[in-house]
All heavy atoms as atom14 arrays in JSON, in Angstrom:
{
  "sequence": "FPEYAERMRALQGDSRFDKLAAAYHKINHEIIMAESNVEPTDDF",
  "atom14_mask": [
    [1, 1, 1, 1, 1, 1, 1, 1, 1, 1, 1, 0, 0, 0],
    [1, 1, 1, 1, 1, 1, 1, 0, 0, 0, 0, 0, 0, 0],
    [1, 1, 1, 1, 1, 1, 1, 1, 1, 0, 0, 0, 0, 0],
    [1, 1, 1, 1, 1, 1, 1, 1, 1, 1, 1, 1, 0, 0],
    [1, 1, 1, 1, 1, 0, 0, 0, 0, 0, 0, 0, 0, 0],
    [1, 1, 1, 1, 1, 1, 1, 1, 1, 0, 0, 0, 0, 0],
    [1, 1, 1, 1, 1, 1, 1, 1, 1, 1, 1, 0, 0, 0],
    [1, 1, 1, 1, 1, 1, 1, 1, 0, 0, 0, 0, 0, 0],
    [1, 1, 1, 1, 1, 1, 1, 1, 1, 1, 1, 0, 0, 0],
    [1, 1, 1, 1, 1, 0, 0, 0, 0, 0, 0, 0, 0, 0],
    [1, 1, 1, 1, 1, 1, 1, 1, 0, 0, 0, 0, 0, 0],
    [1, 1, 1, 1, 1, 1, 1, 1, 1, 0, 0, 0, 0, 0],
    [1, 1, 1, 1, 0, 0, 0, 0, 0, 0, 0, 0, 0, 0],
    [1, 1, 1, 1, 1, 1, 1, 1, 0, 0, 0, 0, 0, 0],
    [1, 1, 1, 1, 1, 1, 0, 0, 0, 0, 0, 0, 0, 0],
    [1, 1, 1, 1, 1, 1, 1, 1, 1, 1, 1, 0, 0, 0],
    [1, 1, 1, 1, 1, 1, 1, 1, 1, 1, 1, 0, 0, 0],
    [1, 1, 1, 1, 1, 1, 1, 1, 0, 0, 0, 0, 0, 0],
    [1, 1, 1, 1, 1, 1, 1, 1, 1, 0, 0, 0, 0, 0],
    [1, 1, 1, 1, 1, 1, 1, 1, 0, 0, 0, 0, 0, 0],
    [1, 1, 1, 1, 1, 0, 0, 0, 0, 0, 0, 0, 0, 0],
    [1, 1, 1, 1, 1, 0, 0, 0, 0, 0, 0, 0, 0, 0],
    [1, 1, 1, 1, 1, 0, 0, 0, 0, 0, 0, 0, 0, 0],
    [1, 1, 1, 1, 1, 1, 1, 1, 1, 1, 1, 1, 0, 0],
    [1, 1, 1, 1, 1, 1, 1, 1, 1, 1, 0, 0, 0, 0],
    [1, 1, 1, 1, 1, 1, 1, 1, 1, 0, 0, 0, 0, 0],
    [1, 1, 1, 1, 1, 1, 1, 1, 0, 0, 0, 0, 0, 0],
    [1, 1, 1, 1, 1, 1, 1, 1, 0, 0, 0, 0, 0, 0],
    [1, 1, 1, 1, 1, 1, 1, 1, 1, 1, 0, 0, 0, 0],
    [1, 1, 1, 1, 1, 1, 1, 1, 1, 0, 0, 0, 0, 0],
    [1, 1, 1, 1, 1, 1, 1, 1, 0, 0, 0, 0, 0, 0],
    [1, 1, 1, 1, 1, 1, 1, 1, 0, 0, 0, 0, 0, 0],
    [1, 1, 1, 1, 1, 1, 1, 1, 0, 0, 0, 0, 0, 0],
    [1, 1, 1, 1, 1, 0, 0, 0, 0, 0, 0, 0, 0, 0],
    [1, 1, 1, 1, 1, 1, 1, 1, 1, 0, 0, 0, 0, 0],
    [1, 1, 1, 1, 1, 1, 0, 0, 0, 0, 0, 0, 0, 0],
    [1, 1, 1, 1, 1, 1, 1, 1, 0, 0, 0, 0, 0, 0],
    [1, 1, 1, 1, 1, 1, 1, 0, 0, 0, 0, 0, 0, 0],
    [1, 1, 1, 1, 1, 1, 1, 1, 1, 0, 0, 0, 0, 0],
    [1, 1, 1, 1, 1, 1, 1, 0, 0, 0, 0, 0, 0, 0],
    [1, 1, 1, 1, 1, 1, 1, 0, 0, 0, 0, 0, 0, 0],
    [1, 1, 1, 1, 1, 1, 1, 1, 0, 0, 0, 0, 0, 0],
    [1, 1, 1, 1, 1, 1, 1, 1, 0, 0, 0, 0, 0, 0],
    [1, 1, 1, 1, 1, 1, 1, 1, 1, 1, 1, 0, 0, 0]
  ],
  "atom14_positions": [
    [[58.45, -21.99, -35.81], [58.45, -23.07, -36.76], [58.56, -24.47, -36.06], [59.51, -25.22, -36.29], [59.69, -22.93, -37.69], [59.73, -21.67, -38.46], [60.76, -20.77, -38.24], [58.79, -21.35, -39.44], [60.85, -19.57, -38.98], [58.83, -20.22, -40.12], [59.88, -19.25, -39.95], [0.0, 0.0, 0.0], [0.0, 0.0, 0.0], [0.0, 0.0, 0.0]],
    [[57.58, -24.79, -35.26], [57.62, -26.08, -34.53], [57.67, -27.31, -35.43], [58.35, -28.29, -35.19], [56.4, -26.09, -33.67], [55.47, -25.12, -34.32], [56.32, -24.09, -34.98], [0.0, 0.0, 0.0], [0.0, 0.0, 0.0], [0.0, 0.0, 0.0], [0.0, 0.0, 0.0], [0.0, 0.0, 0.0], [0.0, 0.0, 0.0], [0.0, 0.0, 0.0]],
    [[57.07, -27.17, -36.62], [57.08, -28.28, -37.56], [58.4, -28.48, -38.26], [58.64, -29.49, -38.94], [55.92, -28.1, -38.63], [56.21, -26.93, -39.57], [55.83, -25.53, -39.06], [55.64, -25.35, -37.83], [55.72, -24.64, -39.92], [0.0, 0.0, 0.0], [0.0, 0.0, 0.0], [0.0, 0.0, 0.0], [0.0, 0.0, 0.0], [0.0, 0.0, 0.0]],
    [[59.34, -27.55, -38.05], [60.62, -27.62, -38.69], [61.74, -27.83, -37.65], [62.94, -27.56, -37.98], [60.96, -26.41, -39.53], [60.11, -26.28, -40.82], [59.03, -25.41, -40.89], [60.37, -27.08, -41.87], [58.28, -25.32, -42.07], [59.62, -27.05, -43.01], [58.56, -26.15, -43.11], [57.77, -26.1, -44.23], [0.0, 0.0, 0.0], [0.0, 0.0, 0.0]],
    [[61.41, -28.25, -36.49], [62.41, -28.46, -35.42], [63.6, -29.36, -35.82], [64.73, -29.02, -35.64], [61.74, -29.02, -34.21], [0.0, 0.0, 0.0], [0.0, 0.0, 0.0], [0.0, 0.0, 0.0], [0.0, 0.0, 0.0], [0.0, 0.0, 0.0], [0.0, 0.0, 0.0], [0.0, 0.0, 0.0], [0.0, 0.0, 0.0], [0.0, 0.0, 0.0]],
    [[63.24, -30.47, -36.47], [64.27, -31.39, -36.92], [65.11, -30.79, -38.01], [66.32, -30.94, -38.06], [63.63, -32.67, -37.4], [64.64, -33.79, -37.74], [63.93, -35.07, -38.12], [62.97, -35.47, -37.43], [64.47, -35.75, -39.04], [0.0, 0.0, 0.0], [0.0, 0.0, 0.0], [0.0, 0.0, 0.0], [0.0, 0.0, 0.0], [0.0, 0.0, 0.0]],
    [[64.49, -30.08, -38.94], [65.23, -29.41, -40.06], [66.15, -28.3, -39.45], [67.22, -28.16, -39.96], [64.18, -28.83, -41.03], [64.8, -28.09, -42.13], [65.24, -28.97, -43.28], [65.58, -28.16, -44.45], [66.77, -28.27, -45.02], [67.64, -29.17, -44.68], [67.1, -27.44, -46.01], [0.0, 0.0, 0.0], [0.0, 0.0, 0.0], [0.0, 0.0, 0.0]],
    [[65.69, -27.61, -38.46], [66.56, -26.57, -37.87], [67.81, -27.21, -37.25], [68.9, -26.67, -37.43], [65.76, -25.76, -36.82], [64.9, -24.71, -37.43], [64.2, -23.58, -36.18], [62.68, -24.44, -35.83], [0.0, 0.0, 0.0], [0.0, 0.0, 0.0], [0.0, 0.0, 0.0], [0.0, 0.0, 0.0], [0.0, 0.0, 0.0], [0.0, 0.0, 0.0]],
    [[67.64, -28.3, -36.59], [68.8, -29.0, -36.01], [69.76, -29.5, -37.14], [70.96, -29.35, -36.99], [68.34, -30.2, -35.17], [67.78, -29.81, -33.8], [67.57, -31.03, -32.85], [66.55, -31.9, -33.35], [65.26, -31.73, -33.13], [64.83, -30.68, -32.49], [64.33, -32.59, -33.61], [0.0, 0.0, 0.0], [0.0, 0.0, 0.0], [0.0, 0.0, 0.0]],
    [[69.19, -29.89, -38.23], [70.04, -30.42, -39.34], [70.79, -29.29, -39.99], [71.88, -29.49, -40.49], [69.14, -31.13, -40.35], [0.0, 0.0, 0.0], [0.0, 0.0, 0.0], [0.0, 0.0, 0.0], [0.0, 0.0, 0.0], [0.0, 0.0, 0.0], [0.0, 0.0, 0.0], [0.0, 0.0, 0.0], [0.0, 0.0, 0.0], [0.0, 0.0, 0.0]],
    [[70.17, -28.12, -40.02], [70.85, -26.97, -40.66], [71.9, -26.25, -39.76], [72.61, -25.41, -40.21], [69.8, -25.94, -41.13], [69.02, -26.27, -42.4], [67.9, -25.35, -42.63], [69.99, -26.31, -43.56], [0.0, 0.0, 0.0], [0.0, 0.0, 0.0], [0.0, 0.0, 0.0], [0.0, 0.0, 0.0], [0.0, 0.0, 0.0], [0.0, 0.0, 0.0]],
    [[71.9, -26.59, -38.47], [72.9, -25.94, -37.59], [74.3, -26.27, -38.13], [74.61, -27.46, -38.44], [72.74, -26.42, -36.14], [71.53, -25.85, -35.53], [71.35, -26.31, -34.11], [71.91, -27.25, -33.65], [70.39, -25.66, -33.42], [0.0, 0.0, 0.0], [0.0, 0.0, 0.0], [0.0, 0.0, 0.0], [0.0, 0.0, 0.0], [0.0, 0.0, 0.0]],
    [[75.11, -25.28, -38.27], [76.43, -25.43, -38.91], [76.45, -24.96, -40.33], [77.49, -24.7, -40.86], [0.0, 0.0, 0.0], [0.0, 0.0, 0.0], [0.0, 0.0, 0.0], [0.0, 0.0, 0.0], [0.0, 0.0, 0.0], [0.0, 0.0, 0.0], [0.0, 0.0, 0.0], [0.0, 0.0, 0.0], [0.0, 0.0, 0.0], [0.0, 0.0, 0.0]],
    [[75.3, -24.82, -40.94], [75.18, -24.26, -42.26], [75.37, -22.73, -42.12], [74.65, -22.1, -41.38], [73.82, -24.56, -42.87], [73.64, -23.87, -44.25], [73.13, -22.76, -44.3], [73.95, -24.52, -45.25], [0.0, 0.0, 0.0], [0.0, 0.0, 0.0], [0.0, 0.0, 0.0], [0.0, 0.0, 0.0], [0.0, 0.0, 0.0], [0.0, 0.0, 0.0]],
    [[76.39, -22.24, -42.81], [76.7, -20.77, -42.6], [75.55, -19.83, -42.89], [75.39, -18.88, -42.08], [77.97, -20.41, -43.41], [77.65, -20.51, -44.83], [0.0, 0.0, 0.0], [0.0, 0.0, 0.0], [0.0, 0.0, 0.0], [0.0, 0.0, 0.0], [0.0, 0.0, 0.0], [0.0, 0.0, 0.0], [0.0, 0.0, 0.0], [0.0, 0.0, 0.0]],
    [[74.81, -20.08, -43.93], [73.72, -19.13, -44.21], [72.63, -19.26, -43.14], [72.14, -18.23, -42.68], [73.1, -19.46, -45.57], [72.02, -18.46, -45.95], [71.73, -18.52, -47.41], [70.67, -17.49, -47.68], [69.55, -17.73, -48.33], [69.31, -18.92, -48.79], [68.67, -16.79, -48.52], [0.0, 0.0, 0.0], [0.0, 0.0, 0.0], [0.0, 0.0, 0.0]],
    [[72.27, -20.46, -42.76], [71.25, -20.62, -41.74], [71.72, -20.02, -40.41], [70.99, -19.29, -39.75], [70.94, -22.12, -41.53], [69.9, -22.32, -40.37], [68.58, -22.12, -40.59], [70.35, -22.7, -39.15], [67.65, -22.32, -39.58], [69.44, -22.9, -38.1], [68.09, -22.71, -38.31], [0.0, 0.0, 0.0], [0.0, 0.0, 0.0], [0.0, 0.0, 0.0]],
    [[72.94, -20.3, -40.03], [73.5, -19.78, -38.74], [73.47, -18.25, -38.73], [73.17, -17.61, -37.73], [74.88, -20.35, -38.48], [74.87, -21.82, -38.15], [73.79, -22.4, -37.88], [75.98, -22.41, -38.19], [0.0, 0.0, 0.0], [0.0, 0.0, 0.0], [0.0, 0.0, 0.0], [0.0, 0.0, 0.0], [0.0, 0.0, 0.0], [0.0, 0.0, 0.0]],
    [[73.9, -17.63, -39.85], [73.92, -16.18, -39.96], [72.51, -15.61, -39.85], [72.29, -14.63, -39.06], [74.56, -15.74, -41.27], [74.68, -14.28, -41.45], [75.35, -13.96, -42.75], [75.38, -12.42, -42.98], [75.94, -12.07, -44.32], [0.0, 0.0, 0.0], [0.0, 0.0, 0.0], [0.0, 0.0, 0.0], [0.0, 0.0, 0.0], [0.0, 0.0, 0.0]],
    [[71.55, -16.15, -40.55], [70.16, -15.65, -40.5], [69.59, -15.85, -39.1], [68.91, -15.0, -38.55], [69.32, -16.34, -41.54], [69.52, -15.92, -42.98], [68.79, -16.81, -43.95], [69.16, -14.48, -43.2], [0.0, 0.0, 0.0], [0.0, 0.0, 0.0], [0.0, 0.0, 0.0], [0.0, 0.0, 0.0], [0.0, 0.0, 0.0], [0.0, 0.0, 0.0]],
    [[69.86, -17.05, -38.53], [69.3, -17.35, -37.2], [69.87, -16.39, -36.13], [69.16, -15.95, -35.28], [69.58, -18.8, -36.81], [0.0, 0.0, 0.0], [0.0, 0.0, 0.0], [0.0, 0.0, 0.0], [0.0, 0.0, 0.0], [0.0, 0.0, 0.0], [0.0, 0.0, 0.0], [0.0, 0.0, 0.0], [0.0, 0.0, 0.0], [0.0, 0.0, 0.0]],
    [[71.16, -16.08, -36.27], [71.8, -15.23, -35.25], [71.24, -13.82, -35.41], [70.98, -13.11, -34.44], [73.32, -15.21, -35.49], [0.0, 0.0, 0.0], [0.0, 0.0, 0.0], [0.0, 0.0, 0.0], [0.0, 0.0, 0.0], [0.0, 0.0, 0.0], [0.0, 0.0, 0.0], [0.0, 0.0, 0.0], [0.0, 0.0, 0.0], [0.0, 0.0, 0.0]],
    [[71.01, -13.35, -36.7], [70.46, -12.0, -36.92], [69.03, -11.99, -36.42], [68.59, -10.94, -35.78], [70.5, -11.67, -38.41], [0.0, 0.0, 0.0], [0.0, 0.0, 0.0], [0.0, 0.0, 0.0], [0.0, 0.0, 0.0], [0.0, 0.0, 0.0], [0.0, 0.0, 0.0], [0.0, 0.0, 0.0], [0.0, 0.0, 0.0], [0.0, 0.0, 0.0]],
    [[68.27, -13.06, -36.6], [66.89, -13.1, -36.12], [66.86, -13.07, -34.6], [66.11, -12.28, -34.0], [66.2, -14.41, -36.64], [64.8, -14.51, -36.14], [63.75, -14.04, -36.92], [64.45, -15.1, -34.94], [62.41, -14.14, -36.48], [63.15, -15.21, -34.44], [62.14, -14.7, -35.24], [60.89, -14.77, -34.76], [0.0, 0.0, 0.0], [0.0, 0.0, 0.0]],
    [[67.69, -13.83, -34.01], [67.79, -13.89, -32.54], [68.12, -12.47, -31.98], [67.54, -11.99, -31.0], [68.78, -14.87, -32.08], [68.89, -14.95, -30.55], [67.91, -15.5, -29.74], [69.84, -14.47, -29.75], [68.29, -15.39, -28.47], [69.44, -14.78, -28.45], [0.0, 0.0, 0.0], [0.0, 0.0, 0.0], [0.0, 0.0, 0.0], [0.0, 0.0, 0.0]],
    [[69.08, -11.81, -32.59], [69.56, -10.47, -32.16], [68.36, -9.44, -32.3], [68.11, -8.73, -31.27], [70.73, -10.01, -32.99], [71.29, -8.67, -32.56], [72.43, -8.27, -33.45], [73.1, -7.02, -33.01], [72.24, -5.79, -33.17], [0.0, 0.0, 0.0], [0.0, 0.0, 0.0], [0.0, 0.0, 0.0], [0.0, 0.0, 0.0], [0.0, 0.0, 0.0]],
    [[67.75, -9.39, -33.42], [66.66, -8.37, -33.59], [65.46, -8.74, -32.7], [64.8, -7.85, -32.13], [66.3, -8.2, -35.07], [65.46, -6.91, -35.25], [65.47, -9.39, -35.57], [66.25, -5.66, -35.29], [0.0, 0.0, 0.0], [0.0, 0.0, 0.0], [0.0, 0.0, 0.0], [0.0, 0.0, 0.0], [0.0, 0.0, 0.0], [0.0, 0.0, 0.0]],
    [[65.2, -10.01, -32.54], [64.08, -10.43, -31.71], [64.35, -10.02, -30.23], [63.48, -9.51, -29.55], [63.94, -11.98, -31.8], [62.62, -12.45, -31.12], [61.58, -11.9, -31.33], [62.79, -13.44, -30.27], [0.0, 0.0, 0.0], [0.0, 0.0, 0.0], [0.0, 0.0, 0.0], [0.0, 0.0, 0.0], [0.0, 0.0, 0.0], [0.0, 0.0, 0.0]],
    [[65.58, -10.17, -29.77], [66.0, -9.78, -28.44], [65.81, -8.23, -28.29], [65.24, -7.7, -27.27], [67.39, -10.15, -28.1], [67.82, -9.73, -26.77], [67.46, -10.33, -25.58], [68.7, -8.69, -26.38], [68.0, -9.71, -24.57], [68.77, -8.71, -25.05], [0.0, 0.0, 0.0], [0.0, 0.0, 0.0], [0.0, 0.0, 0.0], [0.0, 0.0, 0.0]],
    [[66.22, -7.51, -29.26], [66.09, -6.03, -29.22], [64.62, -5.6, -29.16], [64.27, -4.66, -28.44], [66.76, -5.38, -30.46], [68.29, -5.54, -30.43], [68.98, -5.1, -31.7], [68.28, -4.6, -32.65], [70.18, -5.26, -31.8], [0.0, 0.0, 0.0], [0.0, 0.0, 0.0], [0.0, 0.0, 0.0], [0.0, 0.0, 0.0], [0.0, 0.0, 0.0]],
    [[63.75, -6.28, -29.91], [62.34, -5.98, -29.87], [61.77, -6.28, -28.5], [60.96, -5.45, -28.0], [61.59, -6.81, -30.98], [61.99, -6.26, -32.34], [60.1, -6.72, -30.75], [61.52, -7.18, -33.52], [0.0, 0.0, 0.0], [0.0, 0.0, 0.0], [0.0, 0.0, 0.0], [0.0, 0.0, 0.0], [0.0, 0.0, 0.0], [0.0, 0.0, 0.0]],
    [[62.13, -7.39, -27.97], [61.64, -7.75, -26.61], [62.04, -6.68, -25.58], [61.24, -6.24, -24.71], [62.09, -9.17, -26.15], [61.42, -10.22, -26.99], [61.83, -9.39, -24.69], [62.03, -11.62, -26.92], [0.0, 0.0, 0.0], [0.0, 0.0, 0.0], [0.0, 0.0, 0.0], [0.0, 0.0, 0.0], [0.0, 0.0, 0.0], [0.0, 0.0, 0.0]],
    [[63.29, -6.26, -25.7], [63.8, -5.2, -24.77], [63.06, -3.88, -24.94], [62.78, -3.17, -23.95], [65.3, -4.97, -24.95], [66.16, -6.14, -24.57], [66.27, -6.41, -22.79], [65.24, -7.87, -22.63], [0.0, 0.0, 0.0], [0.0, 0.0, 0.0], [0.0, 0.0, 0.0], [0.0, 0.0, 0.0], [0.0, 0.0, 0.0], [0.0, 0.0, 0.0]],
    [[62.74, -3.58, -26.17], [61.97, -2.33, -26.48], [60.53, -2.41, -25.99], [60.01, -1.52, -25.39], [62.04, -2.0, -27.95], [0.0, 0.0, 0.0], [0.0, 0.0, 0.0], [0.0, 0.0, 0.0], [0.0, 0.0, 0.0], [0.0, 0.0, 0.0], [0.0, 0.0, 0.0], [0.0, 0.0, 0.0], [0.0, 0.0, 0.0], [0.0, 0.0, 0.0]],
    [[59.87, -3.56, -26.29], [58.51, -3.72, -25.94], [58.27, -3.76, -24.43], [57.26, -3.3, -23.9], [57.9, -5.02, -26.5], [57.73, -4.95, -27.98], [57.25, -6.25, -28.6], [57.43, -7.36, -27.96], [56.72, -6.21, -29.71], [0.0, 0.0, 0.0], [0.0, 0.0, 0.0], [0.0, 0.0, 0.0], [0.0, 0.0, 0.0], [0.0, 0.0, 0.0]],
    [[59.27, -4.26, -23.69], [59.19, -4.34, -22.22], [59.73, -3.09, -21.53], [59.82, -3.07, -20.34], [59.84, -5.59, -21.7], [61.23, -5.58, -22.04], [0.0, 0.0, 0.0], [0.0, 0.0, 0.0], [0.0, 0.0, 0.0], [0.0, 0.0, 0.0], [0.0, 0.0, 0.0], [0.0, 0.0, 0.0], [0.0, 0.0, 0.0], [0.0, 0.0, 0.0]],
    [[60.11, -2.1, -22.33], [60.62, -0.79, -21.86], [61.97, -0.95, -21.09], [62.3, -0.08, -20.34], [59.6, -0.07, -21.04], [58.57, 0.59, -21.92], [58.87, 1.11, -23.01], [57.31, 0.52, -21.48], [0.0, 0.0, 0.0], [0.0, 0.0, 0.0], [0.0, 0.0, 0.0], [0.0, 0.0, 0.0], [0.0, 0.0, 0.0], [0.0, 0.0, 0.0]],
    [[62.66, -2.02, -21.27], [63.99, -2.21, -20.71], [64.97, -1.3, -21.44], [65.76, -0.6, -20.89], [64.45, -3.65, -20.74], [65.92, -3.78, -20.3], [63.6, -4.51, -19.84], [0.0, 0.0, 0.0], [0.0, 0.0, 0.0], [0.0, 0.0, 0.0], [0.0, 0.0, 0.0], [0.0, 0.0, 0.0], [0.0, 0.0, 0.0], [0.0, 0.0, 0.0]],
    [[64.76, -1.27, -22.77], [65.53, -0.42, -23.66], [64.5, 0.31, -24.56], [64.34, -0.11, -25.75], [66.55, -1.15, -24.5], [67.62, -1.76, -23.58], [68.62, -2.63, -24.42], [68.65, -2.51, -25.65], [69.38, -3.35, -23.8], [0.0, 0.0, 0.0], [0.0, 0.0, 0.0], [0.0, 0.0, 0.0], [0.0, 0.0, 0.0], [0.0, 0.0, 0.0]],
    [[63.8, 1.29, -24.06], [62.73, 1.95, -24.83], [63.22, 2.58, -26.15], [64.38, 2.95, -26.3], [62.16, 3.01, -23.9], [62.81, 2.74, -22.53], [64.0, 1.91, -22.79], [0.0, 0.0, 0.0], [0.0, 0.0, 0.0], [0.0, 0.0, 0.0], [0.0, 0.0, 0.0], [0.0, 0.0, 0.0], [0.0, 0.0, 0.0], [0.0, 0.0, 0.0]],
    [[62.32, 2.59, -27.12], [62.62, 3.18, -28.41], [61.35, 3.82, -28.91], [60.27, 3.57, -28.34], [63.21, 2.14, -29.38], [63.64, 2.86, -30.58], [62.13, 1.13, -29.78], [0.0, 0.0, 0.0], [0.0, 0.0, 0.0], [0.0, 0.0, 0.0], [0.0, 0.0, 0.0], [0.0, 0.0, 0.0], [0.0, 0.0, 0.0], [0.0, 0.0, 0.0]],
    [[61.4, 4.56, -29.97], [60.2, 5.2, -30.52], [59.46, 4.2, -31.39], [60.0, 3.17, -31.79], [60.52, 6.51, -31.28], [61.37, 6.26, -32.46], [60.9, 5.55, -33.42], [62.49, 6.85, -32.56], [0.0, 0.0, 0.0], [0.0, 0.0, 0.0], [0.0, 0.0, 0.0], [0.0, 0.0, 0.0], [0.0, 0.0, 0.0], [0.0, 0.0, 0.0]],
    [[58.21, 4.46, -31.69], [57.37, 3.55, -32.38], [57.86, 3.28, -33.81], [57.69, 2.15, -34.32], [55.92, 4.07, -32.45], [55.27, 4.03, -31.08], [55.66, 3.23, -30.2], [54.24, 4.76, -30.91], [0.0, 0.0, 0.0], [0.0, 0.0, 0.0], [0.0, 0.0, 0.0], [0.0, 0.0, 0.0], [0.0, 0.0, 0.0], [0.0, 0.0, 0.0]],
    [[58.45, 4.3, -34.43], [58.96, 4.13, -35.8], [60.18, 3.1, -35.8], [60.22, 2.22, -36.66], [59.45, 5.42, -36.36], [58.31, 6.42, -36.55], [58.24, 7.56, -35.75], [57.3, 6.21, -37.47], [57.19, 8.43, -35.87], [56.26, 7.06, -37.6], [56.2, 8.19, -36.8], [0.0, 0.0, 0.0], [0.0, 0.0, 0.0], [0.0, 0.0, 0.0]]
  ]
}
């Protein structure tokens, strides 16, 4: 969301945004680890 960079900064500290962003970051990291076979998982 490059077009929302300023809005993301403004929303930092908002509990709903922070919770969703943290969950997104966590699952994104898990996907990267699986795709790079650092922490392999099945396709499903």
